[in-house]
Amino acid sequence: MVDSRAPEYERLYATLRQLRMERGLTQAELGQRLGLTQRKVSLFESGDRRIDVVELARYARALQFGLTELLDRAELDYPVAEEFTTDELT
Protein backbone atom coordinates (compact mmCIF):
# COMPACT_ATOMS: atom_id res chain seq x y z
CA MET A 1 0.00 0.00 0.00
CA VAL A 2 1.27 3.46 -0.92
CA ASP A 3 1.68 5.96 1.90
CA SER A 4 -0.97 8.70 1.62
CA ARG A 5 1.83 11.21 2.29
CA ALA A 6 3.88 9.99 -0.68
CA PRO A 7 4.84 12.77 -3.13
CA GLU A 8 2.32 11.51 -5.70
CA TYR A 9 -0.53 11.84 -3.23
CA GLU A 10 0.69 15.24 -2.07
CA ARG A 11 0.58 16.47 -5.69
CA LEU A 12 -2.88 14.98 -6.14
CA TYR A 13 -4.24 16.66 -2.99
CA ALA A 14 -2.69 19.99 -3.98
CA THR A 15 -4.25 19.66 -7.45
CA LEU A 16 -7.69 18.95 -5.97
CA ARG A 17 -7.40 22.07 -3.82
CA GLN A 18 -6.11 24.18 -6.72
CA LEU A 19 -8.88 23.07 -9.10
CA ARG A 20 -11.56 23.76 -6.49
CA MET A 21 -10.18 27.25 -5.99
CA GLU A 22 -9.93 27.84 -9.76
CA ARG A 23 -13.63 27.00 -9.98
CA GLY A 24 -14.31 29.59 -7.27
CA LEU A 25 -15.76 27.03 -4.87
CA THR A 26 -15.42 26.84 -1.13
CA GLN A 27 -14.91 23.46 0.50
CA ALA A 28 -18.51 23.64 1.72
CA GLU A 29 -19.83 24.33 -1.79
CA LEU A 30 -17.84 21.47 -3.28
CA GLY A 31 -18.95 19.24 -0.44
CA GLN A 32 -22.55 20.07 -1.26
CA ARG A 33 -21.99 19.02 -4.90
CA LEU A 34 -20.41 15.77 -3.71
CA GLY A 35 -22.87 15.04 -0.92
CA LEU A 36 -20.03 15.37 1.60
CA THR A 37 -19.38 17.64 4.52
CA GLN A 38 -16.91 20.52 4.32
CA ARG A 39 -14.82 18.60 6.85
CA LYS A 40 -14.49 15.57 4.59
CA VAL A 41 -13.44 17.76 1.63
CA SER A 42 -10.87 19.38 3.92
CA LEU A 43 -9.55 15.97 4.98
CA PHE A 44 -9.12 14.93 1.33
CA GLU A 45 -7.36 18.15 0.37
CA SER A 46 -5.01 18.02 3.35
CA GLY A 47 -4.19 14.35 2.84
CA ASP A 48 -5.53 13.42 6.25
CA ARG A 49 -8.03 11.11 4.56
CA ARG A 50 -7.07 9.00 1.60
CA ILE A 51 -9.25 9.37 -1.49
CA ASP A 52 -10.25 6.26 -3.42
CA VAL A 53 -10.78 6.05 -7.17
CA VAL A 54 -14.59 6.30 -6.94
CA GLU A 55 -14.39 9.42 -4.78
CA LEU A 56 -11.73 10.84 -7.09
CA ALA A 57 -13.96 10.32 -10.14
CA ARG A 58 -16.86 12.05 -8.36
CA TYR A 59 -14.52 14.88 -7.35
CA ALA A 60 -13.38 15.31 -10.97
CA ARG A 61 -16.97 15.37 -12.23
CA ALA A 62 -18.00 17.93 -9.59
CA LEU A 63 -15.10 20.14 -10.71
CA GLN A 64 -16.08 19.62 -14.37
CA PHE A 65 -12.84 17.82 -15.20
CA GLY A 66 -12.27 14.43 -16.72
CA LEU A 67 -10.50 11.98 -14.44
CA THR A 68 -7.59 11.64 -16.86
CA GLU A 69 -7.31 15.42 -17.14
CA LEU A 70 -7.26 15.72 -13.35
CA LEU A 71 -4.53 13.10 -13.04
CA ASP A 72 -2.52 14.78 -15.80
CA ARG A 73 -2.79 18.10 -13.95
CA ALA A 74 -1.39 16.37 -10.85
CA GLU A 75 1.56 15.22 -12.99
CA LEU A 76 1.30 11.65 -11.77
CA ASP A 77 3.91 9.77 -13.73
CA TYR A 78 4.20 6.09 -12.93
CA PRO A 79 6.76 3.96 -14.76
CA VAL A 80 5.36 1.28 -17.02
CA ALA A 81 6.41 -2.26 -16.16
CA GLU A 82 8.76 -3.96 -18.59
CA GLU A 83 7.28 -6.48 -20.96
CA PHE A 84 8.19 -10.10 -20.34
CA THR A 85 7.75 -13.14 -22.51
CA THR A 86 5.78 -16.08 -21.19
CA ASP A 87 9.01 -18.12 -20.92
CA GLU A 88 10.54 -15.56 -18.59
CA LEU A 89 7.61 -15.83 -16.19
CA THR A 90 7.86 -19.60 -15.67
PDB file of N, CA and C in Angstrom:
ATOM      1  N   MET A   1       0.845  -1.180   0.000  1.00  0.00           N
ATOM      2  CA  MET A   1       0.000   0.000   0.000  1.00  0.00           C
ATOM      3  C   MET A   1       0.893   1.246   0.000  1.00  0.00           C
ATOM      4  N   VAL A   2       0.506   2.217  -0.807  1.00  0.00           N
ATOM      5  CA  VAL A   2       1.271   3.458  -0.919  1.00  0.00           C
ATOM      6  C   VAL A   2       0.888   4.393   0.221  1.00  0.00           C
ATOM      7  N   ASP A   3       1.885   5.000   0.827  1.00  0.00           N
ATOM      8  CA  ASP A   3       1.681   5.961   1.903  1.00  0.00           C
ATOM      9  C   ASP A   3       0.907   7.160   1.369  1.00  0.00           C
ATOM     10  N   SER A   4      -0.152   7.568   2.090  1.00  0.00           N
ATOM     11  CA  SER A   4      -0.967   8.696   1.623  1.00  0.00           C
ATOM     12  C   SER A   4      -0.214  10.017   1.693  1.00  0.00           C
ATOM     13  N   ARG A   5       0.988  10.009   2.263  1.00  0.00           N
ATOM     14  CA  ARG A   5       1.826  11.212   2.290  1.00  0.00           C
ATOM     15  C   ARG A   5       2.947  11.139   1.251  1.00  0.00           C
ATOM     16  N   ALA A   6       2.894  10.122   0.393  1.00  0.00           N
ATOM     17  CA  ALA A   6       3.880   9.993  -0.684  1.00  0.00           C
ATOM     18  C   ALA A   6       3.768  11.209  -1.597  1.00  0.00           C
ATOM     19  N   PRO A   7       4.860  11.579  -2.265  1.00  0.00           N
ATOM     20  CA  PRO A   7       4.838  12.774  -3.129  1.00  0.00           C
ATOM     21  C   PRO A   7       3.715  12.766  -4.165  1.00  0.00           C
ATOM     22  N   GLU A   8       3.393  11.591  -4.712  1.00  0.00           N
ATOM     23  CA  GLU A   8       2.320  11.514  -5.704  1.00  0.00           C
ATOM     24  C   GLU A   8       0.984  11.935  -5.101  1.00  0.00           C
ATOM     25  N   TYR A   9       0.718  11.463  -3.897  1.00  0.00           N
ATOM     26  CA  TYR A   9      -0.529  11.842  -3.228  1.00  0.00           C
ATOM     27  C   TYR A   9      -0.523  13.321  -2.865  1.00  0.00           C
ATOM     28  N   GLU A  10       0.605  13.817  -2.410  1.00  0.00           N
ATOM     29  CA  GLU A  10       0.688  15.243  -2.067  1.00  0.00           C
ATOM     30  C   GLU A  10       0.362  16.104  -3.285  1.00  0.00           C
ATOM     31  N   ARG A  11       0.889  15.718  -4.466  1.00  0.00           N
ATOM     32  CA  ARG A  11       0.577  16.466  -5.694  1.00  0.00           C
ATOM     33  C   ARG A  11      -0.901  16.354  -6.042  1.00  0.00           C
ATOM     34  N   LEU A  12      -1.466  15.173  -5.853  1.00  0.00           N
ATOM     35  CA  LEU A  12      -2.884  14.981  -6.139  1.00  0.00           C
ATOM     36  C   LEU A  12      -3.738  15.860  -5.231  1.00  0.00           C
ATOM     37  N   TYR A  13      -3.456  15.850  -3.935  1.00  0.00           N
ATOM     38  CA  TYR A  13      -4.240  16.659  -2.991  1.00  0.00           C
ATOM     39  C   TYR A  13      -4.112  18.147  -3.307  1.00  0.00           C
ATOM     40  N   ALA A  14      -2.904  18.584  -3.635  1.00  0.00           N
ATOM     41  CA  ALA A  14      -2.694  19.995  -3.984  1.00  0.00           C
ATOM     42  C   ALA A  14      -3.462  20.352  -5.253  1.00  0.00           C
ATOM     43  N   THR A  15      -3.503  19.423  -6.206  1.00  0.00           N
ATOM     44  CA  THR A  15      -4.247  19.657  -7.448  1.00  0.00           C
ATOM     45  C   THR A  15      -5.737  19.753  -7.176  1.00  0.00           C
ATOM     46  N   LEU A  16      -6.266  18.883  -6.325  1.00  0.00           N
ATOM     47  CA  LEU A  16      -7.687  18.951  -5.975  1.00  0.00           C
ATOM     48  C   LEU A  16      -8.028  20.311  -5.377  1.00  0.00           C
ATOM     49  N   ARG A  17      -7.190  20.763  -4.464  1.00  0.00           N
ATOM     50  CA  ARG A  17      -7.398  22.068  -3.816  1.00  0.00           C
ATOM     51  C   ARG A  17      -7.325  23.196  -4.850  1.00  0.00           C
ATOM     52  N   GLN A  18      -6.310  23.140  -5.709  1.00  0.00           N
ATOM     53  CA  GLN A  18      -6.112  24.183  -6.720  1.00  0.00           C
ATOM     54  C   GLN A  18      -7.288  24.241  -7.693  1.00  0.00           C
ATOM     55  N   LEU A  19      -7.759  23.098  -8.162  1.00  0.00           N
ATOM     56  CA  LEU A  19      -8.878  23.070  -9.105  1.00  0.00           C
ATOM     57  C   LEU A  19     -10.155  23.599  -8.462  1.00  0.00           C
ATOM     58  N   ARG A  20     -10.380  23.243  -7.206  1.00  0.00           N
ATOM     59  CA  ARG A  20     -11.556  23.756  -6.491  1.00  0.00           C
ATOM     60  C   ARG A  20     -11.507  25.272  -6.436  1.00  0.00           C
ATOM     61  N   MET A  21     -10.336  25.804  -6.097  1.00  0.00           N
ATOM     62  CA  MET A  21     -10.183  27.251  -5.986  1.00  0.00           C
ATOM     63  C   MET A  21     -10.320  27.925  -7.354  1.00  0.00           C
ATOM     64  N   GLU A  22      -9.783  27.300  -8.409  1.00  0.00           N
ATOM     65  CA  GLU A  22      -9.931  27.845  -9.764  1.00  0.00           C
ATOM     66  C   GLU A  22     -11.397  27.929 -10.173  1.00  0.00           C
ATOM     67  N   ARG A  23     -12.192  27.004  -9.680  1.00  0.00           N
ATOM     68  CA  ARG A  23     -13.627  26.997  -9.979  1.00  0.00           C
ATOM     69  C   ARG A  23     -14.396  27.980  -9.086  1.00  0.00           C
ATOM     70  N   GLY A  24     -13.674  28.605  -8.150  1.00  0.00           N
ATOM     71  CA  GLY A  24     -14.305  29.586  -7.269  1.00  0.00           C
ATOM     72  C   GLY A  24     -15.221  28.971  -6.230  1.00  0.00           C
ATOM     73  N   LEU A  25     -14.925  27.736  -5.841  1.00  0.00           N
ATOM     74  CA  LEU A  25     -15.756  27.027  -4.873  1.00  0.00           C
ATOM     75  C   LEU A  25     -15.098  26.979  -3.505  1.00  0.00           C
ATOM     76  N   THR A  26     -15.907  27.090  -2.478  1.00  0.00           N
ATOM     77  CA  THR A  26     -15.418  26.835  -1.127  1.00  0.00           C
ATOM     78  C   THR A  26     -15.466  25.327  -0.900  1.00  0.00           C
ATOM     79  N   GLN A  27     -14.832  24.878   0.163  1.00  0.00           N
ATOM     80  CA  GLN A  27     -14.907  23.457   0.496  1.00  0.00           C
ATOM     81  C   GLN A  27     -16.349  23.055   0.781  1.00  0.00           C
ATOM     82  N   ALA A  28     -17.100  23.931   1.418  1.00  0.00           N
ATOM     83  CA  ALA A  28     -18.505  23.635   1.721  1.00  0.00           C
ATOM     84  C   ALA A  28     -19.326  23.504   0.442  1.00  0.00           C
ATOM     85  N   GLU A  29     -19.094  24.388  -0.525  1.00  0.00           N
ATOM     86  CA  GLU A  29     -19.833  24.329  -1.792  1.00  0.00           C
ATOM     87  C   GLU A  29     -19.502  23.060  -2.567  1.00  0.00           C
ATOM     88  N   LEU A  30     -18.220  22.708  -2.604  1.00  0.00           N
ATOM     89  CA  LEU A  30     -17.837  21.474  -3.283  1.00  0.00           C
ATOM     90  C   LEU A  30     -18.425  20.274  -2.551  1.00  0.00           C
ATOM     91  N   GLY A  31     -18.364  20.310  -1.235  1.00  0.00           N
ATOM     92  CA  GLY A  31     -18.949  19.236  -0.443  1.00  0.00           C
ATOM     93  C   GLY A  31     -20.423  19.042  -0.749  1.00  0.00           C
ATOM     94  N   GLN A  32     -21.125  20.142  -0.928  1.00  0.00           N
ATOM     95  CA  GLN A  32     -22.546  20.072  -1.263  1.00  0.00           C
ATOM     96  C   GLN A  32     -22.747  19.369  -2.608  1.00  0.00           C
ATOM     97  N   ARG A  33     -21.909  19.680  -3.587  1.00  0.00           N
ATOM     98  CA  ARG A  33     -21.991  19.017  -4.900  1.00  0.00           C
ATOM     99  C   ARG A  33     -21.714  17.521  -4.795  1.00  0.00           C
ATOM    100  N   LEU A  34     -20.823  17.168  -3.863  1.00  0.00           N
ATOM    101  CA  LEU A  34     -20.409  15.771  -3.710  1.00  0.00           C
ATOM    102  C   LEU A  34     -21.274  14.990  -2.730  1.00  0.00           C
ATOM    103  N   GLY A  35     -22.110  15.702  -1.973  1.00  0.00           N
ATOM    104  CA  GLY A  35     -22.870  15.040  -0.920  1.00  0.00           C
ATOM    105  C   GLY A  35     -22.002  14.723   0.281  1.00  0.00           C
ATOM    106  N   LEU A  36     -20.965  15.549   0.485  1.00  0.00           N
ATOM    107  CA  LEU A  36     -20.029  15.374   1.596  1.00  0.00           C
ATOM    108  C   LEU A  36     -20.037  16.623   2.471  1.00  0.00           C
ATOM    109  N   THR A  37     -19.524  16.481   3.653  1.00  0.00           N
ATOM    110  CA  THR A  37     -19.378  17.641   4.522  1.00  0.00           C
ATOM    111  C   THR A  37     -18.141  18.438   4.124  1.00  0.00           C
ATOM    112  N   GLN A  38     -18.098  19.679   4.547  1.00  0.00           N
ATOM    113  CA  GLN A  38     -16.910  20.516   4.323  1.00  0.00           C
ATOM    114  C   GLN A  38     -15.708  19.858   4.966  1.00  0.00           C
ATOM    115  N   ARG A  39     -15.907  19.256   6.121  1.00  0.00           N
ATOM    116  CA  ARG A  39     -14.817  18.603   6.854  1.00  0.00           C
ATOM    117  C   ARG A  39     -14.190  17.477   6.028  1.00  0.00           C
ATOM    118  N   LYS A  40     -15.022  16.677   5.378  1.00  0.00           N
ATOM    119  CA  LYS A  40     -14.489  15.568   4.586  1.00  0.00           C
ATOM    120  C   LYS A  40     -13.689  16.093   3.393  1.00  0.00           C
ATOM    121  N   VAL A  41     -14.186  17.146   2.733  1.00  0.00           N
ATOM    122  CA  VAL A  41     -13.441  17.759   1.630  1.00  0.00           C
ATOM    123  C   VAL A  41     -12.096  18.255   2.147  1.00  0.00           C
ATOM    124  N   SER A  42     -12.106  18.881   3.315  1.00  0.00           N
ATOM    125  CA  SER A  42     -10.874  19.378   3.924  1.00  0.00           C
ATOM    126  C   SER A  42      -9.897  18.236   4.199  1.00  0.00           C
ATOM    127  N   LEU A  43     -10.407  17.125   4.691  1.00  0.00           N
ATOM    128  CA  LEU A  43      -9.551  15.968   4.979  1.00  0.00           C
ATOM    129  C   LEU A  43      -8.918  15.416   3.705  1.00  0.00           C
ATOM    130  N   PHE A  44      -9.686  15.372   2.609  1.00  0.00           N
ATOM    131  CA  PHE A  44      -9.125  14.926   1.328  1.00  0.00           C
ATOM    132  C   PHE A  44      -8.020  15.871   0.877  1.00  0.00           C
ATOM    133  N   GLU A  45      -8.308  17.163   0.892  1.00  0.00           N
ATOM    134  CA  GLU A  45      -7.356  18.146   0.370  1.00  0.00           C
ATOM    135  C   GLU A  45      -6.085  18.233   1.205  1.00  0.00           C
ATOM    136  N   SER A  46      -6.192  17.954   2.485  1.00  0.00           N
ATOM    137  CA  SER A  46      -5.013  18.017   3.352  1.00  0.00           C
ATOM    138  C   SER A  46      -4.235  16.704   3.361  1.00  0.00           C
ATOM    139  N   GLY A  47      -4.843  15.656   2.828  1.00  0.00           N
ATOM    140  CA  GLY A  47      -4.191  14.350   2.837  1.00  0.00           C
ATOM    141  C   GLY A  47      -4.403  13.589   4.123  1.00  0.00           C
ATOM    142  N   ASP A  48      -5.257  14.112   4.997  1.00  0.00           N
ATOM    143  CA  ASP A  48      -5.534  13.420   6.251  1.00  0.00           C
ATOM    144  C   ASP A  48      -6.525  12.275   6.070  1.00  0.00           C
ATOM    145  N   ARG A  49      -7.165  12.235   4.928  1.00  0.00           N
ATOM    146  CA  ARG A  49      -8.030  11.111   4.565  1.00  0.00           C
ATOM    147  C   ARG A  49      -7.706  10.743   3.129  1.00  0.00           C
ATOM    148  N   ARG A  50      -7.430   9.486   2.935  1.00  0.00           N
ATOM    149  CA  ARG A  50      -7.065   9.001   1.603  1.00  0.00           C
ATOM    150  C   ARG A  50      -8.306   8.954   0.709  1.00  0.00           C
ATOM    151  N   ILE A  51      -8.138   9.368  -0.536  1.00  0.00           N
ATOM    152  CA  ILE A  51      -9.246   9.373  -1.485  1.00  0.00           C
ATOM    153  C   ILE A  51      -9.153   8.128  -2.359  1.00  0.00           C
ATOM    154  N   ASP A  52     -10.281   7.442  -2.548  1.00  0.00           N
ATOM    155  CA  ASP A  52     -10.249   6.263  -3.420  1.00  0.00           C
ATOM    156  C   ASP A  52     -10.664   6.663  -4.833  1.00  0.00           C
ATOM    157  N   VAL A  53     -10.563   5.737  -5.754  1.00  0.00           N
ATOM    158  CA  VAL A  53     -10.783   6.048  -7.168  1.00  0.00           C
ATOM    159  C   VAL A  53     -12.225   6.479  -7.441  1.00  0.00           C
ATOM    160  N   VAL A  54     -13.191   5.908  -6.741  1.00  0.00           N
ATOM    161  CA  VAL A  54     -14.591   6.295  -6.942  1.00  0.00           C
ATOM    162  C   VAL A  54     -14.806   7.730  -6.474  1.00  0.00           C
ATOM    163  N   GLU A  55     -14.276   8.048  -5.292  1.00  0.00           N
ATOM    164  CA  GLU A  55     -14.394   9.416  -4.782  1.00  0.00           C
ATOM    165  C   GLU A  55     -13.663  10.396  -5.689  1.00  0.00           C
ATOM    166  N   LEU A  56     -12.508   9.979  -6.204  1.00  0.00           N
ATOM    167  CA  LEU A  56     -11.729  10.838  -7.090  1.00  0.00           C
ATOM    168  C   LEU A  56     -12.495  11.128  -8.382  1.00  0.00           C
ATOM    169  N   ALA A  57     -13.157  10.123  -8.924  1.00  0.00           N
ATOM    170  CA  ALA A  57     -13.958  10.316 -10.138  1.00  0.00           C
ATOM    171  C   ALA A  57     -15.119  11.269  -9.869  1.00  0.00           C
ATOM    172  N   ARG A  58     -15.766  11.131  -8.720  1.00  0.00           N
ATOM    173  CA  ARG A  58     -16.857  12.047  -8.356  1.00  0.00           C
ATOM    174  C   ARG A  58     -16.329  13.464  -8.182  1.00  0.00           C
ATOM    175  N   TYR A  59     -15.174  13.582  -7.557  1.00  0.00           N
ATOM    176  CA  TYR A  59     -14.523  14.879  -7.350  1.00  0.00           C
ATOM    177  C   TYR A  59     -14.258  15.543  -8.699  1.00  0.00           C
ATOM    178  N   ALA A  60     -13.686  14.779  -9.640  1.00  0.00           N
ATOM    179  CA  ALA A  60     -13.381  15.311 -10.973  1.00  0.00           C
ATOM    180  C   ALA A  60     -14.656  15.793 -11.657  1.00  0.00           C
ATOM    181  N   ARG A  61     -15.704  14.999 -11.591  1.00  0.00           N
ATOM    182  CA  ARG A  61     -16.968  15.371 -12.228  1.00  0.00           C
ATOM    183  C   ARG A  61     -17.530  16.648 -11.598  1.00  0.00           C
ATOM    184  N   ALA A  62     -17.478  16.746 -10.282  1.00  0.00           N
ATOM    185  CA  ALA A  62     -17.998  17.932  -9.592  1.00  0.00           C
ATOM    186  C   ALA A  62     -17.223  19.185  -9.976  1.00  0.00           C
ATOM    187  N   LEU A  63     -15.940  19.008 -10.302  1.00  0.00           N
ATOM    188  CA  LEU A  63     -15.101  20.142 -10.712  1.00  0.00           C
ATOM    189  C   LEU A  63     -15.125  20.350 -12.226  1.00  0.00           C
ATOM    190  N   GLN A  64     -15.934  19.554 -12.915  1.00  0.00           N
ATOM    191  CA  GLN A  64     -16.077  19.621 -14.372  1.00  0.00           C
ATOM    192  C   GLN A  64     -14.749  19.342 -15.086  1.00  0.00           C
ATOM    193  N   PHE A  65     -14.079  18.303 -14.603  1.00  0.00           N
ATOM    194  CA  PHE A  65     -12.842  17.817 -15.201  1.00  0.00           C
ATOM    195  C   PHE A  65     -13.008  16.339 -15.475  1.00  0.00           C
ATOM    196  N   GLY A  66     -12.351  15.857 -16.519  1.00  0.00           N
ATOM    197  CA  GLY A  66     -12.275  14.426 -16.724  1.00  0.00           C
ATOM    198  C   GLY A  66     -11.257  13.854 -15.745  1.00  0.00           C
ATOM    199  N   LEU A  67     -11.426  12.607 -15.387  1.00  0.00           N
ATOM    200  CA  LEU A  67     -10.504  11.980 -14.441  1.00  0.00           C
ATOM    201  C   LEU A  67      -9.080  11.975 -14.988  1.00  0.00           C
ATOM    202  N   THR A  68      -8.917  11.650 -16.253  1.00  0.00           N
ATOM    203  CA  THR A  68      -7.586  11.644 -16.860  1.00  0.00           C
ATOM    204  C   THR A  68      -6.975  13.036 -16.842  1.00  0.00           C
ATOM    205  N   GLU A  69      -7.785  14.034 -17.154  1.00  0.00           N
ATOM    206  CA  GLU A  69      -7.312  15.422 -17.142  1.00  0.00           C
ATOM    207  C   GLU A  69      -6.859  15.828 -15.737  1.00  0.00           C
ATOM    208  N   LEU A  70      -7.624  15.415 -14.731  1.00  0.00           N
ATOM    209  CA  LEU A  70      -7.260  15.725 -13.347  1.00  0.00           C
ATOM    210  C   LEU A  70      -5.927  15.074 -12.989  1.00  0.00           C
ATOM    211  N   LEU A  71      -5.772  13.802 -13.347  1.00  0.00           N
ATOM    212  CA  LEU A  71      -4.526  13.096 -13.039  1.00  0.00           C
ATOM    213  C   LEU A  71      -3.347  13.700 -13.796  1.00  0.00           C
ATOM    214  N   ASP A  72      -3.579  14.114 -15.040  1.00  0.00           N
ATOM    215  CA  ASP A  72      -2.519  14.784 -15.803  1.00  0.00           C
ATOM    216  C   ASP A  72      -2.111  16.085 -15.129  1.00  0.00           C
ATOM    217  N   ARG A  73      -3.085  16.831 -14.642  1.00  0.00           N
ATOM    218  CA  ARG A  73      -2.788  18.095 -13.953  1.00  0.00           C
ATOM    219  C   ARG A  73      -1.939  17.855 -12.707  1.00  0.00           C
ATOM    220  N   ALA A  74      -2.159  16.711 -12.056  1.00  0.00           N
ATOM    221  CA  ALA A  74      -1.394  16.372 -10.851  1.00  0.00           C
ATOM    222  C   ALA A  74      -0.004  15.853 -11.199  1.00  0.00           C
ATOM    223  N   GLU A  75       0.260  15.694 -12.502  1.00  0.00           N
ATOM    224  CA  GLU A  75       1.557  15.222 -12.986  1.00  0.00           C
ATOM    225  C   GLU A  75       1.965  13.904 -12.338  1.00  0.00           C
ATOM    226  N   LEU A  76       1.013  12.979 -12.304  1.00  0.00           N
ATOM    227  CA  LEU A  76       1.301  11.653 -11.769  1.00  0.00           C
ATOM    228  C   LEU A  76       1.923  10.833 -12.880  1.00  0.00           C
ATOM    229  N   ASP A  77       3.157  10.476 -12.704  1.00  0.00           N
ATOM    230  CA  ASP A  77       3.908   9.767 -13.734  1.00  0.00           C
ATOM    231  C   ASP A  77       4.450   8.477 -13.147  1.00  0.00           C
ATOM    232  N   TYR A  78       3.765   7.384 -13.432  1.00  0.00           N
ATOM    233  CA  TYR A  78       4.201   6.092 -12.932  1.00  0.00           C
ATOM    234  C   TYR A  78       4.916   5.342 -14.041  1.00  0.00           C
ATOM    235  N   PRO A  79       6.050   4.722 -13.735  1.00  0.00           N
ATOM    236  CA  PRO A  79       6.763   3.965 -14.761  1.00  0.00           C
ATOM    237  C   PRO A  79       5.941   2.760 -15.207  1.00  0.00           C
ATOM    238  N   VAL A  80       6.055   2.438 -16.470  1.00  0.00           N
ATOM    239  CA  VAL A  80       5.364   1.276 -17.024  1.00  0.00           C
ATOM    240  C   VAL A  80       6.253   0.063 -16.813  1.00  0.00           C
ATOM    241  N   ALA A  81       5.642  -1.034 -16.386  1.00  0.00           N
ATOM    242  CA  ALA A  81       6.407  -2.263 -16.162  1.00  0.00           C
ATOM    243  C   ALA A  81       6.982  -2.760 -17.483  1.00  0.00           C
ATOM    244  N   GLU A  82       8.138  -3.377 -17.393  1.00  0.00           N
ATOM    245  CA  GLU A  82       8.759  -3.957 -18.587  1.00  0.00           C
ATOM    246  C   GLU A  82       7.914  -5.116 -19.088  1.00  0.00           C
ATOM    247  N   GLU A  83       7.984  -5.341 -20.383  1.00  0.00           N
ATOM    248  CA  GLU A  83       7.278  -6.481 -20.958  1.00  0.00           C
ATOM    249  C   GLU A  83       8.142  -7.726 -20.810  1.00  0.00           C
ATOM    250  N   PHE A  84       7.504  -8.831 -20.470  1.00  0.00           N
ATOM    251  CA  PHE A  84       8.192 -10.104 -20.337  1.00  0.00           C
ATOM    252  C   PHE A  84       7.535 -11.112 -21.258  1.00  0.00           C
ATOM    253  N   THR A  85       8.329 -12.043 -21.734  1.00  0.00           N
ATOM    254  CA  THR A  85       7.751 -13.138 -22.515  1.00  0.00           C
ATOM    255  C   THR A  85       7.218 -14.173 -21.545  1.00  0.00           C
ATOM    256  N   THR A  86       6.352 -15.034 -22.027  1.00  0.00           N
ATOM    257  CA  THR A  86       5.779 -16.084 -21.191  1.00  0.00           C
ATOM    258  C   THR A  86       6.876 -16.972 -20.615  1.00  0.00           C
ATOM    259  N   ASP A  87       7.917 -17.260 -21.383  1.00  0.00           N
ATOM    260  CA  ASP A  87       9.008 -18.118 -20.923  1.00  0.00           C
ATOM    261  C   ASP A  87       9.731 -17.513 -19.726  1.00  0.00           C
ATOM    262  N   GLU A  88       9.838 -16.213 -19.695  1.00  0.00           N
ATOM    263  CA  GLU A  88      10.542 -15.557 -18.595  1.00  0.00           C
ATOM    264  C   GLU A  88       9.754 -15.618 -17.293  1.00  0.00           C
ATOM    265  N   LEU A  89       8.455 -15.820 -17.378  1.00  0.00           N
ATOM    266  CA  LEU A  89       7.608 -15.827 -16.190  1.00  0.00           C
ATOM    267  C   LEU A  89       7.499 -17.197 -15.550  1.00  0.00           C
ATOM    268  N   THR A  90       7.972 -18.251 -16.229  1.00  0.00           N
ATOM    269  CA  THR A  90       7.855 -19.601 -15.671  1.00  0.00           C
ATOM    270  C   THR A  90       9.157 -20.080 -15.102  1.00  0.00           C
TER     271      THR A  90
END
